[in-house]
């Protein structure tokens, strides 16, 4: 484990976009995004196409956070500035 990596920047803010790691409360927003774009996601993003409830979405977010803290995977989410929940 490389403890110095816990202090790295995990957010990038521009005038229209925020790129940041997932937060605990992102499950519902991610689920809504999946529902609104299911036809597009089914062919291209198979892990997301397997999510069919807010609970599954929250579990996905928790898994991505666990991987971040374990330093095994670094997943970021892209948000518009109005819905970024910084």
PDB file of N, CA and C in Angstrom:
ATOM      1  N   UNK A   1       0.851  -1.174   0.000  1.00  0.00           N
ATOM      2  CA  UNK A   1       0.000   0.000   0.000  1.00  0.00           C
ATOM      3  C   UNK A   1       0.894   1.234   0.000  1.00  0.00           C
ATOM      4  N   UNK A   2       0.520   2.188  -0.823  1.00  0.00           N
ATOM      5  CA  UNK A   2       1.287   3.417  -0.921  1.00  0.00           C
ATOM      6  C   UNK A   2       0.476   4.551  -0.288  1.00  0.00           C
ATOM      7  N   UNK A   3       0.746   4.813   0.980  1.00  0.00           N
ATOM      8  CA  UNK A   3      -0.053   5.781   1.732  1.00  0.00           C
ATOM      9  C   UNK A   3      -0.039   7.175   1.135  1.00  0.00           C
ATOM     10  N   UNK A   4       1.027   7.576   0.477  1.00  0.00           N
ATOM     11  CA  UNK A   4       1.079   8.918  -0.095  1.00  0.00           C
ATOM     12  C   UNK A   4       0.021   9.103  -1.187  1.00  0.00           C
ATOM     13  N   UNK A   5      -0.504   8.031  -1.747  1.00  0.00           N
ATOM     14  CA  UNK A   5      -1.532   8.147  -2.780  1.00  0.00           C
ATOM     15  C   UNK A   5      -2.899   8.540  -2.218  1.00  0.00           C
ATOM     16  N   UNK A   6      -3.078   8.432  -0.902  1.00  0.00           N
ATOM     17  CA  UNK A   6      -4.348   8.841  -0.313  1.00  0.00           C
ATOM     18  C   UNK A   6      -4.558  10.348  -0.411  1.00  0.00           C
ATOM     19  N   UNK A   7      -3.488  11.097  -0.569  1.00  0.00           N
ATOM     20  CA  UNK A   7      -3.581  12.551  -0.608  1.00  0.00           C
ATOM     21  C   UNK A   7      -3.593  13.135  -2.016  1.00  0.00           C
ATOM     22  N   UNK A   8      -3.695  12.300  -3.051  1.00  0.00           N
ATOM     23  CA  UNK A   8      -3.683  12.830  -4.406  1.00  0.00           C
ATOM     24  C   UNK A   8      -4.994  13.558  -4.705  1.00  0.00           C
ATOM     25  N   UNK A   9      -4.928  14.515  -5.606  1.00  0.00           N
ATOM     26  CA  UNK A   9      -6.135  15.213  -6.036  1.00  0.00           C
ATOM     27  C   UNK A   9      -7.080  14.216  -6.684  1.00  0.00           C
ATOM     28  N   UNK A  10      -8.351  14.313  -6.384  1.00  0.00           N
ATOM     29  CA  UNK A  10      -9.309  13.397  -6.986  1.00  0.00           C
ATOM     30  C   UNK A  10     -10.489  14.128  -7.600  1.00  0.00           C
ATOM     31  N   UNK A  11     -10.251  15.408  -7.972  1.00  0.00           N
ATOM     32  CA  UNK A  11     -11.302  16.182  -8.606  1.00  0.00           C
ATOM     33  C   UNK A  11     -10.683  17.179  -9.585  1.00  0.00           C
ATOM     34  N   UNK A  12     -11.332  17.326 -10.724  1.00  0.00           N
ATOM     35  CA  UNK A  12     -10.954  18.305 -11.732  1.00  0.00           C
ATOM     36  C   UNK A  12     -12.209  19.084 -12.084  1.00  0.00           C
ATOM     37  N   UNK A  13     -12.162  20.406 -11.938  1.00  0.00           N
ATOM     38  CA  UNK A  13     -13.328  21.250 -12.173  1.00  0.00           C
ATOM     39  C   UNK A  13     -13.039  22.196 -13.327  1.00  0.00           C
ATOM     40  N   UNK A  14     -13.942  22.201 -14.314  1.00  0.00           N
ATOM     41  CA  UNK A  14     -13.872  23.172 -15.399  1.00  0.00           C
ATOM     42  C   UNK A  14     -15.168  23.987 -15.366  1.00  0.00           C
ATOM     43  N   UNK A  15     -15.345  24.870 -16.317  1.00  0.00           N
ATOM     44  CA  UNK A  15     -16.541  25.717 -16.318  1.00  0.00           C
ATOM     45  C   UNK A  15     -17.826  24.915 -16.534  1.00  0.00           C
ATOM     46  N   UNK A  16     -17.748  23.775 -17.220  1.00  0.00           N
ATOM     47  CA  UNK A  16     -18.950  22.999 -17.506  1.00  0.00           C
ATOM     48  C   UNK A  16     -18.936  21.574 -16.953  1.00  0.00           C
ATOM     49  N   UNK A  17     -17.782  21.111 -16.529  1.00  0.00           N
ATOM     50  CA  UNK A  17     -17.636  19.702 -16.174  1.00  0.00           C
ATOM     51  C   UNK A  17     -16.866  19.525 -14.868  1.00  0.00           C
ATOM     52  N   UNK A  18     -17.257  18.498 -14.131  1.00  0.00           N
ATOM     53  CA  UNK A  18     -16.523  18.084 -12.933  1.00  0.00           C
ATOM     54  C   UNK A  18     -16.183  16.609 -13.108  1.00  0.00           C
ATOM     55  N   UNK A  19     -14.922  16.274 -12.948  1.00  0.00           N
ATOM     56  CA  UNK A  19     -14.472  14.890 -12.993  1.00  0.00           C
ATOM     57  C   UNK A  19     -13.951  14.572 -11.600  1.00  0.00           C
ATOM     58  N   UNK A  20     -14.542  13.561 -10.967  1.00  0.00           N
ATOM     59  CA  UNK A  20     -14.150  13.236  -9.594  1.00  0.00           C
ATOM     60  C   UNK A  20     -14.408  11.761  -9.320  1.00  0.00           C
ATOM     61  N   UNK A  21     -13.797  11.277  -8.249  1.00  0.00           N
ATOM     62  CA  UNK A  21     -14.080   9.901  -7.853  1.00  0.00           C
ATOM     63  C   UNK A  21     -15.510   9.844  -7.324  1.00  0.00           C
ATOM     64  N   UNK A  22     -16.033   8.644  -7.259  1.00  0.00           N
ATOM     65  CA  UNK A  22     -17.384   8.469  -6.732  1.00  0.00           C
ATOM     66  C   UNK A  22     -17.436   8.840  -5.262  1.00  0.00           C
ATOM     67  N   UNK A  23     -18.622   9.251  -4.815  1.00  0.00           N
ATOM     68  CA  UNK A  23     -18.903   9.490  -3.403  1.00  0.00           C
ATOM     69  C   UNK A  23     -19.990   8.518  -2.968  1.00  0.00           C
ATOM     70  N   UNK A  24     -20.081   8.283  -1.675  1.00  0.00           N
ATOM     71  CA  UNK A  24     -21.060   7.340  -1.119  1.00  0.00           C
ATOM     72  C   UNK A  24     -22.483   7.600  -1.634  1.00  0.00           C
ATOM     73  N   UNK A  25     -22.864   8.858  -1.748  1.00  0.00           N
ATOM     74  CA  UNK A  25     -24.244   9.199  -2.092  1.00  0.00           C
ATOM     75  C   UNK A  25     -24.516   9.234  -3.595  1.00  0.00           C
ATOM     76  N   UNK A  26     -23.601   8.769  -4.436  1.00  0.00           N
ATOM     77  CA  UNK A  26     -23.767   8.826  -5.887  1.00  0.00           C
ATOM     78  C   UNK A  26     -24.611   7.700  -6.468  1.00  0.00           C
ATOM     79  N   UNK A  27     -24.998   6.732  -5.678  1.00  0.00           N
ATOM     80  CA  UNK A  27     -25.733   5.577  -6.191  1.00  0.00           C
ATOM     81  C   UNK A  27     -27.025   5.936  -6.899  1.00  0.00           C
ATOM     82  N   UNK A  28     -27.826   6.796  -6.318  1.00  0.00           N
ATOM     83  CA  UNK A  28     -29.112   7.153  -6.933  1.00  0.00           C
ATOM     84  C   UNK A  28     -28.910   7.946  -8.221  1.00  0.00           C
ATOM     85  N   UNK A  29     -27.988   8.893  -8.219  1.00  0.00           N
ATOM     86  CA  UNK A  29     -27.724   9.677  -9.430  1.00  0.00           C
ATOM     87  C   UNK A  29     -27.206   8.772 -10.546  1.00  0.00           C
ATOM     88  N   UNK A  30     -26.337   7.834 -10.217  1.00  0.00           N
ATOM     89  CA  UNK A  30     -25.838   6.902 -11.219  1.00  0.00           C
ATOM     90  C   UNK A  30     -26.975   6.043 -11.752  1.00  0.00           C
ATOM     91  N   UNK A  31     -27.837   5.564 -10.882  1.00  0.00           N
ATOM     92  CA  UNK A  31     -28.969   4.747 -11.324  1.00  0.00           C
ATOM     93  C   UNK A  31     -29.871   5.542 -12.272  1.00  0.00           C
ATOM     94  N   UNK A  32     -30.161   6.793 -11.938  1.00  0.00           N
ATOM     95  CA  UNK A  32     -30.998   7.619 -12.813  1.00  0.00           C
ATOM     96  C   UNK A  32     -30.347   7.819 -14.175  1.00  0.00           C
ATOM     97  N   UNK A  33     -29.053   8.022 -14.196  1.00  0.00           N
ATOM     98  CA  UNK A  33     -28.321   8.164 -15.449  1.00  0.00           C
ATOM     99  C   UNK A  33     -28.413   6.881 -16.279  1.00  0.00           C
ATOM    100  N   UNK A  34     -28.254   5.746 -15.624  1.00  0.00           N
ATOM    101  CA  UNK A  34     -28.355   4.460 -16.316  1.00  0.00           C
ATOM    102  C   UNK A  34     -29.748   4.287 -16.901  1.00  0.00           C
ATOM    103  N   UNK A  35     -30.775   4.584 -16.113  1.00  0.00           N
ATOM    104  CA  UNK A  35     -32.144   4.442 -16.596  1.00  0.00           C
ATOM    105  C   UNK A  35     -32.414   5.340 -17.798  1.00  0.00           C
ATOM    106  N   UNK A  36     -31.915   6.559 -17.753  1.00  0.00           N
ATOM    107  CA  UNK A  36     -32.146   7.512 -18.840  1.00  0.00           C
ATOM    108  C   UNK A  36     -31.399   7.134 -20.116  1.00  0.00           C
ATOM    109  N   UNK A  37     -30.374   6.289 -20.003  1.00  0.00           N
ATOM    110  CA  UNK A  37     -29.522   5.963 -21.152  1.00  0.00           C
ATOM    111  C   UNK A  37     -29.352   4.461 -21.364  1.00  0.00           C
ATOM    112  N   UNK A  38     -30.297   3.680 -20.879  1.00  0.00           N
ATOM    113  CA  UNK A  38     -30.149   2.225 -20.900  1.00  0.00           C
ATOM    114  C   UNK A  38     -29.881   1.673 -22.307  1.00  0.00           C
ATOM    115  N   UNK A  39     -30.588   2.151 -23.321  1.00  0.00           N
ATOM    116  CA  UNK A  39     -30.392   1.618 -24.675  1.00  0.00           C
ATOM    117  C   UNK A  39     -28.955   1.822 -25.159  1.00  0.00           C
ATOM    118  N   UNK A  40     -28.372   2.944 -24.845  1.00  0.00           N
ATOM    119  CA  UNK A  40     -26.998   3.220 -25.256  1.00  0.00           C
ATOM    120  C   UNK A  40     -25.994   2.401 -24.451  1.00  0.00           C
ATOM    121  N   UNK A  41     -26.282   2.209 -23.175  1.00  0.00           N
ATOM    122  CA  UNK A  41     -25.331   1.528 -22.294  1.00  0.00           C
ATOM    123  C   UNK A  41     -25.298   0.024 -22.502  1.00  0.00           C
ATOM    124  N   UNK A  42     -26.433  -0.578 -22.855  1.00  0.00           N
ATOM    125  CA  UNK A  42     -26.498  -2.031 -22.947  1.00  0.00           C
ATOM    126  C   UNK A  42     -25.454  -2.606 -23.889  1.00  0.00           C
ATOM    127  N   UNK A  43     -25.192  -1.934 -24.986  1.00  0.00           N
ATOM    128  CA  UNK A  43     -24.234  -2.448 -25.957  1.00  0.00           C
ATOM    129  C   UNK A  43     -22.788  -2.098 -25.618  1.00  0.00           C
ATOM    130  N   UNK A  44     -22.571  -1.045 -24.864  1.00  0.00           N
ATOM    131  CA  UNK A  44     -21.223  -0.512 -24.710  1.00  0.00           C
ATOM    132  C   UNK A  44     -20.608  -0.686 -23.322  1.00  0.00           C
ATOM    133  N   UNK A  45     -21.418  -0.694 -22.297  1.00  0.00           N
ATOM    134  CA  UNK A  45     -20.902  -0.741 -20.934  1.00  0.00           C
ATOM    135  C   UNK A  45     -21.601  -1.859 -20.167  1.00  0.00           C
ATOM    136  N   UNK A  46     -21.172  -3.071 -20.397  1.00  0.00           N
ATOM    137  CA  UNK A  46     -21.869  -4.214 -19.815  1.00  0.00           C
ATOM    138  C   UNK A  46     -21.951  -4.191 -18.294  1.00  0.00           C
ATOM    139  N   UNK A  47     -20.929  -3.714 -17.538  1.00  0.00           N
ATOM    140  CA  UNK A  47     -21.116  -3.689 -16.079  1.00  0.00           C
ATOM    141  C   UNK A  47     -22.293  -2.791 -15.661  1.00  0.00           C
ATOM    142  N   UNK A  48     -22.452  -1.674 -16.340  1.00  0.00           N
ATOM    143  CA  UNK A  48     -23.556  -0.780 -15.987  1.00  0.00           C
ATOM    144  C   UNK A  48     -24.893  -1.322 -16.455  1.00  0.00           C
ATOM    145  N   UNK A  49     -24.905  -2.069 -17.537  1.00  0.00           N
ATOM    146  CA  UNK A  49     -26.176  -2.609 -18.029  1.00  0.00           C
ATOM    147  C   UNK A  49     -26.739  -3.671 -17.092  1.00  0.00           C
ATOM    148  N   UNK A  50     -25.915  -4.186 -16.178  1.00  0.00           N
ATOM    149  CA  UNK A  50     -26.366  -5.189 -15.211  1.00  0.00           C
ATOM    150  C   UNK A  50     -27.027  -4.568 -13.978  1.00  0.00           C
ATOM    151  N   UNK A  51     -27.028  -3.248 -13.895  1.00  0.00           N
ATOM    152  CA  UNK A  51     -27.606  -2.551 -12.742  1.00  0.00           C
ATOM    153  C   UNK A  51     -29.076  -2.252 -13.023  1.00  0.00           C
ATOM    154  N   UNK A  52     -29.965  -2.785 -12.154  1.00  0.00           N
ATOM    155  CA  UNK A  52     -31.403  -2.627 -12.363  1.00  0.00           C
ATOM    156  C   UNK A  52     -32.135  -2.071 -11.145  1.00  0.00           C
ATOM    157  N   UNK A  53     -31.392  -1.592 -10.156  1.00  0.00           N
ATOM    158  CA  UNK A  53     -32.037  -1.000  -8.982  1.00  0.00           C
ATOM    159  C   UNK A  53     -31.085   0.009  -8.342  1.00  0.00           C
ATOM    160  N   UNK A  54     -31.654   0.862  -7.507  1.00  0.00           N
ATOM    161  CA  UNK A  54     -30.825   1.832  -6.787  1.00  0.00           C
ATOM    162  C   UNK A  54     -29.854   1.100  -5.858  1.00  0.00           C
ATOM    163  N   UNK A  55     -30.297   0.000  -5.280  1.00  0.00           N
ATOM    164  CA  UNK A  55     -29.429  -0.769  -4.387  1.00  0.00           C
ATOM    165  C   UNK A  55     -28.229  -1.337  -5.135  1.00  0.00           C
ATOM    166  N   UNK A  56     -28.454  -1.847  -6.337  1.00  0.00           N
ATOM    167  CA  UNK A  56     -27.342  -2.365  -7.136  1.00  0.00           C
ATOM    168  C   UNK A  56     -26.400  -1.250  -7.559  1.00  0.00           C
ATOM    169  N   UNK A  57     -26.967  -0.100  -7.856  1.00  0.00           N
ATOM    170  CA  UNK A  57     -26.149   1.054  -8.221  1.00  0.00           C
ATOM    171  C   UNK A  57     -25.299   1.513  -7.040  1.00  0.00           C
ATOM    172  N   UNK A  58     -25.908   1.557  -5.856  1.00  0.00           N
ATOM    173  CA  UNK A  58     -25.161   1.940  -4.648  1.00  0.00           C
ATOM    174  C   UNK A  58     -24.046   0.933  -4.372  1.00  0.00           C
ATOM    175  N   UNK A  59     -24.315  -0.354  -4.592  1.00  0.00           N
ATOM    176  CA  UNK A  59     -23.285  -1.380  -4.391  1.00  0.00           C
ATOM    177  C   UNK A  59     -22.141  -1.194  -5.391  1.00  0.00           C
ATOM    178  N   UNK A  60     -22.453  -0.818  -6.627  1.00  0.00           N
ATOM    179  CA  UNK A  60     -21.431  -0.546  -7.632  1.00  0.00           C
ATOM    180  C   UNK A  60     -20.538   0.612  -7.184  1.00  0.00           C
ATOM    181  N   UNK A  61     -21.162   1.682  -6.714  1.00  0.00           N
ATOM    182  CA  UNK A  61     -20.405   2.840  -6.228  1.00  0.00           C
ATOM    183  C   UNK A  61     -19.527   2.443  -5.052  1.00  0.00           C
ATOM    184  N   UNK A  62     -20.055   1.680  -4.111  1.00  0.00           N
ATOM    185  CA  UNK A  62     -19.268   1.235  -2.956  1.00  0.00           C
ATOM    186  C   UNK A  62     -18.092   0.370  -3.397  1.00  0.00           C
ATOM    187  N   UNK A  63     -18.319  -0.480  -4.395  1.00  0.00           N
ATOM    188  CA  UNK A  63     -17.229  -1.312  -4.913  1.00  0.00           C
ATOM    189  C   UNK A  63     -16.129  -0.437  -5.507  1.00  0.00           C
ATOM    190  N   UNK A  64     -16.513   0.582  -6.277  1.00  0.00           N
ATOM    191  CA  UNK A  64     -15.520   1.467  -6.890  1.00  0.00           C
ATOM    192  C   UNK A  64     -14.758   2.255  -5.825  1.00  0.00           C
ATOM    193  N   UNK A  65     -15.439   2.664  -4.769  1.00  0.00           N
ATOM    194  CA  UNK A  65     -14.750   3.347  -3.665  1.00  0.00           C
ATOM    195  C   UNK A  65     -13.792   2.403  -2.948  1.00  0.00           C
ATOM    196  N   UNK A  66     -14.212   1.174  -2.736  1.00  0.00           N
ATOM    197  CA  UNK A  66     -13.336   0.180  -2.093  1.00  0.00           C
ATOM    198  C   UNK A  66     -12.079  -0.046  -2.911  1.00  0.00           C
ATOM    199  N   UNK A  67     -12.256  -0.157  -4.227  1.00  0.00           N
ATOM    200  CA  UNK A  67     -11.102  -0.355  -5.104  1.00  0.00           C
ATOM    201  C   UNK A  67     -10.177   0.862  -5.069  1.00  0.00           C
ATOM    202  N   UNK A  68     -10.759   2.060  -4.990  1.00  0.00           N
ATOM    203  CA  UNK A  68      -9.948   3.281  -4.917  1.00  0.00           C
ATOM    204  C   UNK A  68      -9.074   3.246  -3.671  1.00  0.00           C
ATOM    205  N   UNK A  69      -9.719   2.969  -2.508  1.00  0.00           N
ATOM    206  CA  UNK A  69      -8.974   2.976  -1.252  1.00  0.00           C
ATOM    207  C   UNK A  69      -7.975   1.820  -1.152  1.00  0.00           C
ATOM    208  N   UNK A  70      -8.284   0.706  -1.812  1.00  0.00           N
ATOM    209  CA  UNK A  70      -7.353  -0.419  -1.832  1.00  0.00           C
ATOM    210  C   UNK A  70      -6.249  -0.210  -2.874  1.00  0.00           C
ATOM    211  N   UNK A  71      -6.378   0.847  -3.663  1.00  0.00           N
ATOM    212  CA  UNK A  71      -5.414   1.203  -4.710  1.00  0.00           C
ATOM    213  C   UNK A  71      -5.295   0.114  -5.768  1.00  0.00           C
ATOM    214  N   UNK A  72      -6.442  -0.474  -6.117  1.00  0.00           N
ATOM    215  CA  UNK A  72      -6.458  -1.494  -7.160  1.00  0.00           C
ATOM    216  C   UNK A  72      -7.141  -1.016  -8.436  1.00  0.00           C
ATOM    217  N   UNK A  73      -7.949   0.040  -8.350  1.00  0.00           N
ATOM    218  CA  UNK A  73      -8.658   0.577  -9.508  1.00  0.00           C
ATOM    219  C   UNK A  73      -9.044   2.013  -9.188  1.00  0.00           C
ATOM    220  N   UNK A  74      -8.890   2.885 -10.157  1.00  0.00           N
ATOM    221  CA  UNK A  74      -9.202   4.302  -9.949  1.00  0.00           C
ATOM    222  C   UNK A  74     -10.282   4.718 -10.934  1.00  0.00           C
ATOM    223  N   UNK A  75     -11.534   4.646 -10.507  1.00  0.00           N
ATOM    224  CA  UNK A  75     -12.666   5.006 -11.348  1.00  0.00           C
ATOM    225  C   UNK A  75     -13.093   6.432 -11.044  1.00  0.00           C
ATOM    226  N   UNK A  76     -13.357   7.166 -12.104  1.00  0.00           N
ATOM    227  CA  UNK A  76     -13.805   8.553 -11.975  1.00  0.00           C
ATOM    228  C   UNK A  76     -15.155   8.706 -12.649  1.00  0.00           C
ATOM    229  N   UNK A  77     -15.941   9.638 -12.156  1.00  0.00           N
ATOM    230  CA  UNK A  77     -17.233   9.965 -12.755  1.00  0.00           C
ATOM    231  C   UNK A  77     -17.153  11.350 -13.368  1.00  0.00           C
ATOM    232  N   UNK A  78     -17.872  11.548 -14.453  1.00  0.00           N
ATOM    233  CA  UNK A  78     -17.919  12.844 -15.123  1.00  0.00           C
ATOM    234  C   UNK A  78     -19.316  13.409 -14.933  1.00  0.00           C
ATOM    235  N   UNK A  79     -19.377  14.625 -14.410  1.00  0.00           N
ATOM    236  CA  UNK A  79     -20.645  15.284 -14.105  1.00  0.00           C
ATOM    237  C   UNK A  79     -20.669  16.659 -14.771  1.00  0.00           C
ATOM    238  N   UNK A  80     -21.880  17.148 -15.063  1.00  0.00           N
ATOM    239  CA  UNK A  80     -21.966  18.555 -15.437  1.00  0.00           C
ATOM    240  C   UNK A  80     -21.906  19.354 -14.148  1.00  0.00           C
ATOM    241  N   UNK A  81     -21.502  20.606 -14.215  1.00  0.00           N
ATOM    242  CA  UNK A  81     -21.266  21.381 -12.995  1.00  0.00           C
ATOM    243  C   UNK A  81     -22.532  21.561 -12.161  1.00  0.00           C
ATOM    244  N   UNK A  82     -23.705  21.542 -12.791  1.00  0.00           N
ATOM    245  CA  UNK A  82     -24.949  21.726 -12.041  1.00  0.00           C
ATOM    246  C   UNK A  82     -25.323  20.518 -11.186  1.00  0.00           C
ATOM    247  N   UNK A  83     -24.917  19.323 -11.581  1.00  0.00           N
ATOM    248  CA  UNK A  83     -25.311  18.127 -10.832  1.00  0.00           C
ATOM    249  C   UNK A  83     -24.143  17.416 -10.170  1.00  0.00           C
ATOM    250  N   UNK A  84     -23.007  18.078 -10.068  1.00  0.00           N
ATOM    251  CA  UNK A  84     -21.784  17.420  -9.605  1.00  0.00           C
ATOM    252  C   UNK A  84     -21.780  17.071  -8.128  1.00  0.00           C
ATOM    253  N   UNK A  85     -22.522  17.765  -7.284  1.00  0.00           N
ATOM    254  CA  UNK A  85     -22.534  17.468  -5.861  1.00  0.00           C
ATOM    255  C   UNK A  85     -21.114  17.448  -5.287  1.00  0.00           C
ATOM    256  N   UNK A  86     -20.436  18.558  -5.447  1.00  0.00           N
ATOM    257  CA  UNK A  86     -19.023  18.643  -5.029  1.00  0.00           C
ATOM    258  C   UNK A  86     -18.902  18.622  -3.531  1.00  0.00           C
TER     259      UNK A  86
END
